[in-house]
Amino acid sequence: MIEVYQAQNMVDAQLLCDQMLSENIPAVVKGGYLSGAAGELPVGSLISIWIERRGDLQRAREVVKAYEQRLQAPSHPRICSSCNESSHSNFSHCWNCQAPLNE
């Protein structure tokens, strides 16, 4: 297993892990249960994303980079070309129909 990302919180970790899985990169969240033990303290590097195959490392890094860029992008709604539903700008896929959102 190879660590590819240290998450700020469990939501951050699960969103990125789901993105990895949607890209056919087997990934798991580690340390998610440890955040409860920390109480109100910052979780620091307790929660992380790990991939299973070394051959997926470059693609995983690209997914992480794209994810971080979406988090920093200005927030404006994006309209899905499949169902015309409005989705938040940091979504890569429509929340309603799961179609990829165009940049």
Protein backbone atom coordinates (compact mmCIF):
# COMPACT_ATOMS: atom_id res chain seq x y z
CA MET A 1 0.00 0.00 0.00
CA ILE A 2 1.20 3.49 -0.86
CA GLU A 3 0.08 6.70 0.88
CA VAL A 4 -0.93 9.38 -1.64
CA TYR A 5 -2.79 12.02 0.40
CA GLN A 6 -3.17 13.30 3.95
CA ALA A 7 -6.69 14.59 4.48
CA GLN A 8 -7.90 17.52 6.58
CA ASN A 9 -10.94 15.55 7.76
CA MET A 10 -12.97 12.43 7.07
CA VAL A 11 -15.21 14.14 4.49
CA ASP A 12 -12.18 15.32 2.52
CA ALA A 13 -10.71 11.82 2.66
CA GLN A 14 -13.87 10.04 1.57
CA LEU A 15 -14.51 12.43 -1.35
CA LEU A 16 -11.01 11.86 -2.71
CA CYS A 17 -11.12 8.12 -2.08
CA ASP A 18 -14.41 7.91 -4.00
CA GLN A 19 -12.82 9.85 -6.85
CA MET A 20 -9.93 7.37 -6.93
CA LEU A 21 -12.34 4.45 -7.03
CA SER A 22 -14.32 6.07 -9.86
CA GLU A 23 -11.02 6.27 -11.80
CA ASN A 24 -10.46 2.52 -11.26
CA ILE A 25 -7.70 3.09 -8.72
CA PRO A 26 -8.20 0.78 -5.72
CA ALA A 27 -7.89 3.05 -2.68
CA VAL A 28 -8.77 3.06 1.01
CA VAL A 29 -9.08 5.63 3.78
CA LYS A 30 -6.88 4.86 6.76
CA GLY A 31 -7.14 6.50 10.16
CA GLY A 32 -10.74 7.60 9.86
CA TYR A 33 -11.68 6.02 13.16
CA LEU A 34 -8.77 7.71 14.92
CA SER A 35 -10.28 11.17 14.45
CA GLY A 36 -12.89 10.35 17.10
CA ALA A 37 -10.14 9.72 19.62
CA ALA A 38 -8.67 13.15 18.97
CA GLY A 39 -11.83 14.90 20.17
CA GLU A 40 -11.78 18.61 19.38
CA LEU A 41 -8.11 18.65 18.43
CA PRO A 42 -7.11 18.94 14.75
CA VAL A 43 -6.67 15.52 13.18
CA GLY A 44 -3.37 16.49 11.57
CA SER A 45 -2.13 13.60 9.49
CA LEU A 46 -4.26 10.91 11.12
CA ILE A 47 -6.50 10.44 8.09
CA SER A 48 -4.93 9.47 4.78
CA ILE A 49 -5.64 7.88 1.39
CA TRP A 50 -3.69 4.81 0.35
CA ILE A 51 -3.63 3.03 -3.01
CA GLU A 52 -3.02 -0.67 -3.52
CA ARG A 53 -1.02 -0.80 -6.76
CA ARG A 54 2.30 0.95 -7.37
CA GLY A 55 1.40 1.10 -11.07
CA ASP A 56 -1.45 3.50 -10.21
CA LEU A 57 0.79 6.00 -8.41
CA GLN A 58 1.14 8.51 -11.27
CA ARG A 59 -2.60 8.49 -12.03
CA ALA A 60 -3.39 8.78 -8.32
CA ARG A 61 -1.17 11.84 -8.08
CA GLU A 62 -3.02 13.36 -11.05
CA VAL A 63 -6.37 12.70 -9.33
CA VAL A 64 -5.07 14.35 -6.14
CA LYS A 65 -3.82 17.37 -8.10
CA ALA A 66 -7.15 17.79 -9.90
CA TYR A 67 -9.02 17.42 -6.60
CA GLU A 68 -6.90 20.08 -4.91
CA GLN A 69 -7.37 22.42 -7.88
CA ARG A 70 -11.16 22.00 -7.68
CA LEU A 71 -11.05 22.86 -3.97
CA GLN A 72 -9.23 26.10 -4.75
CA ALA A 73 -11.37 27.05 -7.76
CA PRO A 74 -13.80 29.96 -7.43
CA SER A 75 -17.22 28.80 -6.36
CA HIS A 76 -19.80 29.15 -9.13
CA PRO A 77 -22.47 26.67 -10.18
CA ARG A 78 -21.91 24.43 -13.19
CA ILE A 79 -24.82 23.27 -15.34
CA CYS A 80 -24.93 19.61 -16.32
CA SER A 81 -25.17 19.11 -20.09
CA SER A 82 -27.13 15.86 -19.55
CA CYS A 83 -29.88 16.89 -17.11
CA ASN A 84 -29.48 20.71 -16.79
CA GLU A 85 -29.10 20.44 -13.03
CA SER A 86 -26.89 22.94 -11.23
CA SER A 87 -23.89 21.51 -9.34
CA HIS A 88 -21.28 23.19 -7.15
CA SER A 89 -18.12 24.16 -9.00
CA ASN A 90 -15.88 21.73 -7.11
CA PHE A 91 -17.92 18.71 -8.26
CA SER A 92 -16.41 16.64 -11.07
CA HIS A 93 -19.72 14.87 -11.76
CA CYS A 94 -23.34 15.98 -11.63
CA TRP A 95 -24.84 15.23 -8.23
CA ASN A 96 -28.16 14.38 -9.88
CA CYS A 97 -27.31 12.08 -12.82
CA GLN A 98 -23.57 11.38 -12.21
CA ALA A 99 -22.59 12.63 -15.71
CA PRO A 100 -19.11 14.21 -15.92
CA LEU A 101 -19.26 18.01 -15.73
CA ASN A 102 -17.44 19.96 -18.42
CA GLU A 103 -14.82 22.47 -17.38
